[in-house]
Amino acid sequence: IWVLHLWFGQIYVVYEFFVCVFAYSLSRKNHVLAFILLGILVALRPPYAILALFFLMSPQYRSYIKNFVLSGLFLTILSMAFFNPNIWLQYIRGMGALTKVPAQVQDRGFEPTEIYPPVIEGWVIPIQKPGFSPEHENSLRGVIQNKLHYPISNNVLIAGILALILGGILITWNYKITDASTILVVGLLFTLLCEYLIPA
């Protein structure tokens, strides 16, 4: 999976860079910059909206929601202006492709062109690349389906993500967690857990 992500130009270290600068800005009490960075991070990697949710449900950070929303919207609109609105459609089609792996390639490696659209995020999918097997999928669904041979539907995954988010919010609310560092750790933990449920 990571090889495929690199083929499509996704650089995860950039996301973690924004997380680190966001955390540093919070520690320096520069909340305006912190939530601008968080908005940019969510625009780059939407699942981090879960982290944003943990912060924005806390009264002391709620006033910075405008910085978060405006920066995320600005970057999204800017990407459409510089590239093409189709780049987002290509991304969605590409990420959805792994949930529809044809039956005839389940038991062997396959070329990306067998299941992916020809262009993703402006990148032409290479034809000659090492084969990728669904067994390499490291999401929860990939592990269960390939090790236990038990099928899991998208609805189950979505329900799991919603349950995790609700559980995290209830924990934060019940224990009245307001410290920025603690919210960051709890929010990141639940964000990563939810990412594990995404079939990609």
Protein backbone atom coordinates (compact mmCIF):
# COMPACT_ATOMS: atom_id res chain seq x y z
CA ILE A 1 0.00 0.00 0.00
CA TRP A 2 2.73 2.46 0.91
CA VAL A 3 4.38 1.87 -2.48
CA LEU A 4 1.08 2.64 -4.18
CA HIS A 5 0.69 5.81 -2.14
CA LEU A 6 4.15 6.95 -3.25
CA TRP A 7 3.24 6.25 -6.86
CA PHE A 8 0.28 8.62 -6.45
CA GLY A 9 2.40 11.39 -4.95
CA GLN A 10 1.10 11.12 -1.38
CA ILE A 11 3.82 12.04 1.09
CA TYR A 12 2.78 11.13 4.61
CA VAL A 13 5.77 12.79 6.25
CA VAL A 14 4.27 16.15 5.20
CA TYR A 15 1.15 15.40 7.24
CA GLU A 16 3.23 14.56 10.29
CA PHE A 17 5.23 17.75 9.78
CA PHE A 18 2.00 19.76 10.03
CA VAL A 19 0.99 17.80 13.16
CA CYS A 20 4.34 18.67 14.77
CA VAL A 21 4.15 22.37 13.86
CA PHE A 22 0.52 22.43 15.03
CA ALA A 23 1.58 20.93 18.39
CA TYR A 24 4.49 23.37 18.69
CA SER A 25 2.23 26.34 17.93
CA LEU A 26 -0.20 25.18 20.62
CA SER A 27 2.63 24.88 23.14
CA ARG A 28 3.65 28.48 22.32
CA LYS A 29 0.01 29.61 22.81
CA ASN A 30 -0.13 30.73 19.17
CA HIS A 31 -3.64 29.37 18.69
CA VAL A 32 -4.45 31.35 15.55
CA LEU A 33 -1.48 29.88 13.65
CA ALA A 34 -2.12 26.43 15.15
CA PHE A 35 -5.67 26.22 13.83
CA ILE A 36 -4.71 27.65 10.45
CA LEU A 37 -2.20 24.79 10.21
CA LEU A 38 -4.84 22.30 11.36
CA GLY A 39 -7.18 23.50 8.61
CA ILE A 40 -4.42 23.02 6.03
CA LEU A 41 -3.71 19.55 7.42
CA VAL A 42 -7.37 18.51 7.11
CA ALA A 43 -7.48 19.86 3.54
CA LEU A 44 -4.45 17.69 2.74
CA ARG A 45 -5.62 14.61 4.66
CA PRO A 46 -9.39 14.68 5.51
CA PRO A 47 -9.27 12.00 8.27
CA TYR A 48 -7.44 14.54 10.46
CA ALA A 49 -10.80 16.29 10.79
CA ILE A 50 -11.29 13.81 13.66
CA LEU A 51 -8.35 15.45 15.47
CA ALA A 52 -9.87 18.87 14.77
CA LEU A 53 -13.17 17.68 16.25
CA PHE A 54 -11.52 16.83 19.57
CA PHE A 55 -10.09 20.35 19.84
CA LEU A 56 -13.13 22.25 18.58
CA MET A 57 -15.46 20.55 21.09
CA SER A 58 -13.42 22.17 23.88
CA PRO A 59 -14.79 25.64 24.78
CA GLN A 60 -11.34 27.21 25.04
CA TYR A 61 -10.54 26.39 21.39
CA ARG A 62 -13.99 26.83 19.85
CA SER A 63 -13.36 30.49 19.07
CA TYR A 64 -10.63 29.44 16.62
CA ILE A 65 -13.00 27.45 14.41
CA LYS A 66 -13.03 30.27 11.84
CA ASN A 67 -9.26 30.01 11.40
CA PHE A 68 -9.57 26.27 10.94
CA VAL A 69 -12.45 26.40 8.43
CA LEU A 70 -11.17 29.35 6.40
CA SER A 71 -7.65 27.98 5.97
CA GLY A 72 -8.97 24.56 4.93
CA LEU A 73 -11.42 26.06 2.44
CA PHE A 74 -8.78 28.43 1.08
CA LEU A 75 -6.31 25.61 0.39
CA THR A 76 -9.00 23.46 -1.24
CA ILE A 77 -10.15 26.29 -3.51
CA LEU A 78 -6.52 27.17 -4.27
CA SER A 79 -5.77 23.59 -5.30
CA MET A 80 -8.74 23.65 -7.68
CA ALA A 81 -7.62 26.97 -9.17
CA PHE A 82 -4.01 25.86 -9.72
CA PHE A 83 -4.74 22.32 -10.85
CA ASN A 84 -8.22 21.21 -11.79
CA PRO A 85 -11.39 20.34 -9.86
CA ASN A 86 -11.14 16.90 -11.47
CA ILE A 87 -8.05 16.21 -9.35
CA TRP A 88 -10.35 15.64 -6.35
CA LEU A 89 -12.61 13.32 -8.35
CA GLN A 90 -9.55 11.38 -9.50
CA TYR A 91 -8.41 11.05 -5.89
CA ILE A 92 -11.82 9.78 -4.72
CA ARG A 93 -12.03 7.26 -7.57
CA GLY A 94 -8.48 6.08 -6.86
CA MET A 95 -9.02 5.60 -3.14
CA GLY A 96 -12.33 3.84 -3.77
CA ALA A 97 -10.73 1.40 -6.21
CA LEU A 98 -9.27 -0.81 -3.47
CA THR A 99 -12.77 -1.57 -2.19
CA LYS A 100 -13.69 -3.09 -5.56
CA VAL A 101 -10.82 -5.46 -6.33
CA PRO A 102 -12.04 -7.82 -9.08
CA ALA A 103 -12.51 -11.46 -8.03
CA GLN A 104 -10.14 -12.70 -10.72
CA VAL A 105 -7.20 -10.90 -9.13
CA GLN A 106 -7.91 -11.77 -5.51
CA ASP A 107 -5.42 -14.64 -5.45
CA ARG A 108 -2.53 -13.03 -7.26
CA GLY A 109 -0.66 -9.77 -7.60
CA PHE A 110 -2.10 -7.32 -10.09
CA GLU A 111 -1.03 -4.26 -12.00
CA PRO A 112 -2.51 -0.96 -10.78
CA THR A 113 -4.10 -0.42 -14.20
CA GLU A 114 -6.38 -3.42 -13.56
CA ILE A 115 -8.39 -1.65 -10.88
CA TYR A 116 -7.37 2.01 -10.82
CA PRO A 117 -8.52 4.79 -13.13
CA PRO A 118 -5.81 5.74 -15.67
CA VAL A 119 -5.07 9.07 -13.95
CA ILE A 120 -5.06 9.88 -10.22
CA GLU A 121 -4.24 13.37 -8.92
CA GLY A 122 -2.87 14.21 -12.36
CA TRP A 123 -0.51 11.21 -12.34
CA VAL A 124 -0.69 8.65 -15.13
CA ILE A 125 -0.76 5.20 -13.52
CA PRO A 126 2.38 3.29 -14.56
CA ILE A 127 1.81 0.05 -16.43
CA GLN A 128 5.03 -1.77 -15.59
CA LYS A 129 5.29 -1.91 -11.81
CA PRO A 130 5.73 -4.74 -9.30
CA GLY A 131 2.46 -6.56 -8.70
CA PHE A 132 0.38 -5.60 -5.67
CA SER A 133 -1.68 -8.13 -3.82
CA PRO A 134 -4.79 -7.44 -1.68
CA GLU A 135 -2.99 -9.48 0.99
CA HIS A 136 -0.73 -6.46 1.48
CA GLU A 137 -3.65 -4.25 2.47
CA ASN A 138 -2.99 -3.27 6.07
CA SER A 139 -6.41 -1.90 6.98
CA LEU A 140 -8.53 -3.79 9.50
CA ARG A 141 -10.65 -5.14 6.66
CA GLY A 142 -7.56 -6.32 4.78
CA VAL A 143 -6.22 -8.17 7.82
CA ILE A 144 -9.54 -9.86 8.68
CA GLN A 145 -10.45 -10.75 5.10
CA ASN A 146 -7.04 -12.15 4.22
CA LYS A 147 -6.18 -13.87 7.51
CA LEU A 148 -9.60 -14.98 8.72
CA HIS A 149 -11.34 -15.06 5.32
CA TYR A 150 -14.32 -13.18 6.72
CA PRO A 151 -15.87 -10.48 4.49
CA ILE A 152 -16.50 -7.02 5.96
CA SER A 153 -18.74 -4.45 4.26
CA ASN A 154 -18.19 -0.70 3.98
CA ASN A 155 -21.19 -0.16 6.29
CA VAL A 156 -19.45 -2.06 9.09
CA LEU A 157 -16.32 0.04 8.64
CA ILE A 158 -18.29 3.30 8.67
CA ALA A 159 -20.15 2.19 11.80
CA GLY A 160 -16.80 1.36 13.43
CA ILE A 161 -15.38 4.78 12.59
CA LEU A 162 -18.46 6.57 13.98
CA ALA A 163 -18.37 4.43 17.14
CA LEU A 164 -14.69 5.26 17.68
CA ILE A 165 -15.28 8.99 17.20
CA LEU A 166 -18.25 8.96 19.57
CA GLY A 167 -16.30 6.93 22.13
CA GLY A 168 -13.36 9.32 22.00
CA ILE A 169 -15.61 12.35 22.40
CA LEU A 170 -17.39 10.78 25.38
CA ILE A 171 -14.05 9.96 27.04
CA THR A 172 -12.82 13.52 26.50
CA TRP A 173 -16.11 14.95 27.76
CA ASN A 174 -16.44 12.62 30.75
CA TYR A 175 -12.91 13.25 32.02
CA LYS A 176 -13.16 17.00 31.21
CA ILE A 177 -9.90 16.94 29.26
CA THR A 178 -8.90 20.52 28.43
CA ASP A 179 -5.11 20.38 28.39
CA ALA A 180 -3.86 20.89 24.81
CA SER A 181 -1.21 18.16 25.00
CA THR A 182 -3.67 15.58 26.31
CA ILE A 183 -6.31 16.48 23.72
CA LEU A 184 -3.62 16.19 21.02
CA VAL A 185 -2.58 12.70 22.16
CA VAL A 186 -6.17 11.45 22.54
CA GLY A 187 -7.24 13.03 19.25
CA LEU A 188 -4.28 11.56 17.35
CA LEU A 189 -4.88 8.14 18.89
CA PHE A 190 -8.50 8.04 17.74
CA THR A 191 -7.60 9.53 14.35
CA LEU A 192 -5.07 6.74 13.74
CA LEU A 193 -7.52 4.09 14.97
CA CYS A 194 -10.14 5.40 12.54
CA GLU A 195 -7.53 5.44 9.74
CA TYR A 196 -6.98 1.74 10.38
CA LEU A 197 -10.64 1.15 9.49
CA ILE A 198 -10.28 2.89 6.12
CA PRO A 199 -9.79 0.21 3.43
CA ALA A 200 -6.68 1.64 1.77
